[in-house]
C-alpha atoms as a PDB file:
ATOM      1  CA  UNK A   1       0.000   0.000   0.000  1.00  0.00           C
ATOM      2  CA  UNK A   2       2.839   2.401   0.882  1.00  0.00           C
ATOM      3  CA  UNK A   3       4.419   1.821  -2.537  1.00  0.00           C
ATOM      4  CA  UNK A   4       1.134   2.594  -4.318  1.00  0.00           C
ATOM      5  CA  UNK A   5       0.741   5.819  -2.323  1.00  0.00           C
ATOM      6  CA  UNK A   6       4.326   6.832  -3.065  1.00  0.00           C
ATOM      7  CA  UNK A   7       3.913   6.133  -6.772  1.00  0.00           C
ATOM      8  CA  UNK A   8       0.719   8.186  -6.886  1.00  0.00           C
ATOM      9  CA  UNK A   9       2.416  11.047  -5.052  1.00  0.00           C
ATOM     10  CA  UNK A  10       5.419  10.951  -7.361  1.00  0.00           C
ATOM     11  CA  UNK A  11       3.340  11.042 -10.545  1.00  0.00           C
ATOM     12  CA  UNK A  12       1.072  13.792  -9.201  1.00  0.00           C
ATOM     13  CA  UNK A  13       3.897  15.840  -7.713  1.00  0.00           C
ATOM     14  CA  UNK A  14       5.905  16.193 -10.906  1.00  0.00           C
ATOM     15  CA  UNK A  15       3.161  18.319 -12.461  1.00  0.00           C
ATOM     16  CA  UNK A  16       3.135  20.946  -9.685  1.00  0.00           C
ATOM     17  CA  UNK A  17       5.359  24.030  -9.793  1.00  0.00           C
ATOM     18  CA  UNK A  18       7.071  25.447  -6.703  1.00  0.00           C
ATOM     19  CA  UNK A  19       7.205  29.107  -7.657  1.00  0.00           C
ATOM     20  CA  UNK A  20       6.937  31.563  -4.838  1.00  0.00           C
ATOM     21  CA  UNK A  21       8.185  32.090  -1.334  1.00  0.00           C
ATOM     22  CA  UNK A  22       9.686  28.981   0.250  1.00  0.00           C
ATOM     23  CA  UNK A  23      10.567  28.453   3.916  1.00  0.00           C
ATOM     24  CA  UNK A  24      13.330  25.837   3.936  1.00  0.00           C
ATOM     25  CA  UNK A  25      13.327  24.525   7.500  1.00  0.00           C
ATOM     26  CA  UNK A  26      16.398  22.399   6.917  1.00  0.00           C
ATOM     27  CA  UNK A  27      17.218  18.719   6.975  1.00  0.00           C
ATOM     28  CA  UNK A  28      17.011  16.476  10.004  1.00  0.00           C
ATOM     29  CA  UNK A  29      19.320  13.547  10.717  1.00  0.00           C
ATOM     30  CA  UNK A  30      17.471  10.517  12.041  1.00  0.00           C
ATOM     31  CA  UNK A  31      20.025   8.016  13.245  1.00  0.00           C
ATOM     32  CA  UNK A  32      18.866   4.583  14.332  1.00  0.00           C
ATOM     33  CA  UNK A  33      22.187   2.859  13.748  1.00  0.00           C
ATOM     34  CA  UNK A  34      23.913   0.904  16.468  1.00  0.00           C
ATOM     35  CA  UNK A  35      27.202   2.492  15.455  1.00  0.00           C
ATOM     36  CA  UNK A  36      26.085   5.965  16.532  1.00  0.00           C
ATOM     37  CA  UNK A  37      24.480   4.593  19.682  1.00  0.00           C
ATOM     38  CA  UNK A  38      27.901   3.301  20.718  1.00  0.00           C
ATOM     39  CA  UNK A  39      30.265   5.928  19.297  1.00  0.00           C
ATOM     40  CA  UNK A  40      28.182   9.103  19.186  1.00  0.00           C
ATOM     41  CA  UNK A  41      27.332  11.406  16.280  1.00  0.00           C
ATOM     42  CA  UNK A  42      29.890  11.471  13.492  1.00  0.00           C
ATOM     43  CA  UNK A  43      31.303  14.935  12.701  1.00  0.00           C
ATOM     44  CA  UNK A  44      31.562  13.817   9.070  1.00  0.00           C
ATOM     45  CA  UNK A  45      27.809  13.175   8.947  1.00  0.00           C
ATOM     46  CA  UNK A  46      27.062  16.560  10.482  1.00  0.00           C
ATOM     47  CA  UNK A  47      29.205  18.147   7.745  1.00  0.00           C
ATOM     48  CA  UNK A  48      27.468  16.037   5.070  1.00  0.00           C
ATOM     49  CA  UNK A  49      24.060  17.165   6.293  1.00  0.00           C
ATOM     50  CA  UNK A  50      25.192  20.799   5.948  1.00  0.00           C
ATOM     51  CA  UNK A  51      26.561  20.147   2.429  1.00  0.00           C
ATOM     52  CA  UNK A  52      23.323  18.527   1.316  1.00  0.00           C
ATOM     53  CA  UNK A  53      21.244  21.366   2.825  1.00  0.00           C
ATOM     54  CA  UNK A  54      23.417  23.883   0.963  1.00  0.00           C
ATOM     55  CA  UNK A  55      22.835  21.944  -2.269  1.00  0.00           C
ATOM     56  CA  UNK A  56      19.070  22.141  -1.700  1.00  0.00           C
ATOM     57  CA  UNK A  57      19.204  25.889  -1.022  1.00  0.00           C
ATOM     58  CA  UNK A  58      21.373  26.592  -4.072  1.00  0.00           C
ATOM     59  CA  UNK A  59      19.109  24.501  -6.302  1.00  0.00           C
ATOM     60  CA  UNK A  60      15.929  26.244  -5.183  1.00  0.00           C
ATOM     61  CA  UNK A  61      17.539  29.672  -5.596  1.00  0.00           C
ATOM     62  CA  UNK A  62      18.718  28.711  -9.102  1.00  0.00           C
ATOM     63  CA  UNK A  63      15.124  27.715  -9.927  1.00  0.00           C
ATOM     64  CA  UNK A  64      13.924  31.207  -9.045  1.00  0.00           C
ATOM     65  CA  UNK A  65      12.395  30.468  -5.663  1.00  0.00           C
ATOM     66  CA  UNK A  66      12.482  33.081  -2.959  1.00  0.00           C
ATOM     67  CA  UNK A  67      13.954  31.387   0.136  1.00  0.00           C
ATOM     68  CA  UNK A  68      12.727  33.195   3.216  1.00  0.00           C
ATOM     69  CA  UNK A  69      14.769  34.273   6.219  1.00  0.00           C
ATOM     70  CA  UNK A  70      13.909  32.018   9.166  1.00  0.00           C
ATOM     71  CA  UNK A  71      14.841  34.569  11.854  1.00  0.00           C
ATOM     72  CA  UNK A  72      11.222  35.198  12.960  1.00  0.00           C
ATOM     73  CA  UNK A  73      10.742  31.482  13.765  1.00  0.00           C
ATOM     74  CA  UNK A  74      14.320  30.558  14.711  1.00  0.00           C
ATOM     75  CA  UNK A  75      13.536  29.969  18.416  1.00  0.00           C
ATOM     76  CA  UNK A  76      10.461  27.881  17.635  1.00  0.00           C
ATOM     77  CA  UNK A  77      12.399  25.878  15.040  1.00  0.00           C
ATOM     78  CA  UNK A  78      15.191  25.211  17.562  1.00  0.00           C
ATOM     79  CA  UNK A  79      12.655  23.536  19.887  1.00  0.00           C
ATOM     80  CA  UNK A  80      11.450  21.143  17.181  1.00  0.00           C
ATOM     81  CA  UNK A  81      13.234  17.812  16.915  1.00  0.00           C
ATOM     82  CA  UNK A  82      12.113  17.130  13.346  1.00  0.00           C
ATOM     83  CA  UNK A  83      10.226  19.759  11.316  1.00  0.00           C
ATOM     84  CA  UNK A  84       9.244  17.094   8.766  1.00  0.00           C
ATOM     85  CA  UNK A  85       7.190  15.272  11.419  1.00  0.00           C
ATOM     86  CA  UNK A  86       5.911  17.811  13.912  1.00  0.00           C
ATOM     87  CA  UNK A  87       2.121  17.638  13.532  1.00  0.00           C
ATOM     88  CA  UNK A  88       1.875  20.721  11.328  1.00  0.00           C
ATOM     89  CA  UNK A  89       4.354  22.989  13.091  1.00  0.00           C
ATOM     90  CA  UNK A  90       6.182  23.352   9.763  1.00  0.00           C
ATOM     91  CA  UNK A  91       3.027  24.705   8.125  1.00  0.00           C
ATOM     92  CA  UNK A  92       2.382  27.063  11.049  1.00  0.00           C
ATOM     93  CA  UNK A  93       5.947  28.394  10.888  1.00  0.00           C
ATOM     94  CA  UNK A  94       5.613  28.812   7.124  1.00  0.00           C
ATOM     95  CA  UNK A  95       2.405  30.802   7.634  1.00  0.00           C
ATOM     96  CA  UNK A  96       4.132  33.069  10.184  1.00  0.00           C
ATOM     97  CA  UNK A  97       6.838  33.737   7.611  1.00  0.00           C
ATOM     98  CA  UNK A  98       4.360  34.463   4.813  1.00  0.00           C
ATOM     99  CA  UNK A  99       5.576  31.482   2.799  1.00  0.00           C
ATOM    100  CA  UNK A 100       3.713  29.868  -0.061  1.00  0.00           C
ATOM    101  CA  UNK A 101       5.527  26.596   0.563  1.00  0.00           C
ATOM    102  CA  UNK A 102       7.462  24.902   3.316  1.00  0.00           C
ATOM    103  CA  UNK A 103      10.392  22.599   2.467  1.00  0.00           C
ATOM    104  CA  UNK A 104      11.530  19.902   4.902  1.00  0.00           C
ATOM    105  CA  UNK A 105      13.718  16.854   4.628  1.00  0.00           C
ATOM    106  CA  UNK A 106      15.316  13.984   6.455  1.00  0.00           C
ATOM    107  CA  UNK A 107      18.318  11.733   6.201  1.00  0.00           C
ATOM    108  CA  UNK A 108      17.774   8.475   8.053  1.00  0.00           C
ATOM    109  CA  UNK A 109      20.810   6.357   8.864  1.00  0.00           C
ATOM    110  CA  UNK A 110      19.868   2.734   9.358  1.00  0.00           C
ATOM    111  CA  UNK A 111      23.482   1.548   9.305  1.00  0.00           C
ATOM    112  CA  UNK A 112      26.781   2.796   7.941  1.00  0.00           C
ATOM    113  CA  UNK A 113      25.803   1.199   4.635  1.00  0.00           C
ATOM    114  CA  UNK A 114      22.068   1.946   4.374  1.00  0.00           C
ATOM    115  CA  UNK A 115      20.616   5.473   4.410  1.00  0.00           C
ATOM    116  CA  UNK A 116      17.343   6.988   3.226  1.00  0.00           C
ATOM    117  CA  UNK A 117      16.821  10.606   2.174  1.00  0.00           C
ATOM    118  CA  UNK A 118      13.607  12.467   1.572  1.00  0.00           C
ATOM    119  CA  UNK A 119      12.596  15.981   0.687  1.00  0.00           C
ATOM    120  CA  UNK A 120       9.017  17.267   0.854  1.00  0.00           C
ATOM    121  CA  UNK A 121       7.508  20.535  -0.371  1.00  0.00           C
ATOM    122  CA  UNK A 122       4.212  21.394   1.309  1.00  0.00           C
ATOM    123  CA  UNK A 123       1.648  24.010   0.384  1.00  0.00           C
ATOM    124  CA  UNK A 124       1.188  26.331   3.369  1.00  0.00           C
ATOM    125  CA  UNK A 125      -2.426  27.144   2.429  1.00  0.00           C
ATOM    126  CA  UNK A 126      -3.545  23.499   2.358  1.00  0.00           C
ATOM    127  CA  UNK A 127      -0.882  21.637   4.329  1.00  0.00           C
ATOM    128  CA  UNK A 128      -0.679  19.122   1.478  1.00  0.00           C
ATOM    129  CA  UNK A 129       2.578  17.774   0.075  1.00  0.00           C
ATOM    130  CA  UNK A 130       2.852  19.021  -3.493  1.00  0.00           C
ATOM    131  CA  UNK A 131       6.260  17.626  -4.377  1.00  0.00           C
ATOM    132  CA  UNK A 132       8.427  15.029  -2.773  1.00  0.00           C
ATOM    133  CA  UNK A 133      10.812  12.198  -3.282  1.00  0.00           C
ATOM    134  CA  UNK A 134      12.433   9.481  -1.212  1.00  0.00           C
ATOM    135  CA  UNK A 135      15.631   7.694  -2.176  1.00  0.00           C
ATOM    136  CA  UNK A 136      17.677   4.953  -0.554  1.00  0.00           C
ATOM    137  CA  UNK A 137      21.433   5.275  -0.793  1.00  0.00           C
ATOM    138  CA  UNK A 138      24.193   2.823  -0.116  1.00  0.00           C
ATOM    139  CA  UNK A 139      27.468   3.992   1.370  1.00  0.00           C
ATOM    140  CA  UNK A 140      27.987   6.736   3.895  1.00  0.00           C
ATOM    141  CA  UNK A 141      30.214   9.132   1.964  1.00  0.00           C
ATOM    142  CA  UNK A 142      30.064  12.733   0.785  1.00  0.00           C
ATOM    143  CA  UNK A 143      29.653  11.487  -2.770  1.00  0.00           C
ATOM    144  CA  UNK A 144      26.745   9.133  -2.012  1.00  0.00           C
ATOM    145  CA  UNK A 145      24.853  11.745   0.026  1.00  0.00           C
ATOM    146  CA  UNK A 146      25.248  14.411  -2.668  1.00  0.00           C
ATOM    147  CA  UNK A 147      24.332  11.952  -5.433  1.00  0.00           C
ATOM    148  CA  UNK A 148      21.203  10.936  -3.530  1.00  0.00           C
ATOM    149  CA  UNK A 149      20.041  14.524  -3.030  1.00  0.00           C
ATOM    150  CA  UNK A 150      20.892  15.474  -6.618  1.00  0.00           C
ATOM    151  CA  UNK A 151      18.668  12.618  -7.758  1.00  0.00           C
ATOM    152  CA  UNK A 152      15.799  13.840  -5.563  1.00  0.00           C
ATOM    153  CA  UNK A 153      16.180  17.390  -6.834  1.00  0.00           C
ATOM    154  CA  UNK A 154      16.517  16.362 -10.481  1.00  0.00           C
ATOM    155  CA  UNK A 155      13.558  13.982 -10.519  1.00  0.00           C
ATOM    156  CA  UNK A 156      11.098  15.907  -8.367  1.00  0.00           C
ATOM    157  CA  UNK A 157      12.008  19.576  -8.135  1.00  0.00           C
ATOM    158  CA  UNK A 158      14.034  20.870 -11.084  1.00  0.00           C
ATOM    159  CA  UNK A 159      11.943  22.044 -14.005  1.00  0.00           C
END
């Protein structure tokens, strides 16, 4: 059932444009790996998350989107563990900023070999996801993370 829903979303989402004001609330690292539980958060992964977020920002700017300053919601955003799954707080923050869309994403580390990335664009007026993509990547390197996000951007967001 999940696959059918994802396929429907992917087909529908490619026909929607993301022109307008976008509040990019960043990417969240979800780490369920045993490696991190034992050794702590990897500085390399923190740097990779920043690189991938920068790639997203640069891509949206190149597509003509107006990325909004998050200063008015910075404190609220700092209290949220994961803006992609916060029961609508992303939409409420987007509304406070005057955004047309809110952009959120996650990188989930299952193990040092298996990771999943997703990026979702939601309409602030309706709360509905209008564009999105999920991709599984293998290998925990700068190259694999950037390749995964480039694929998401190319197949779901770049016109």
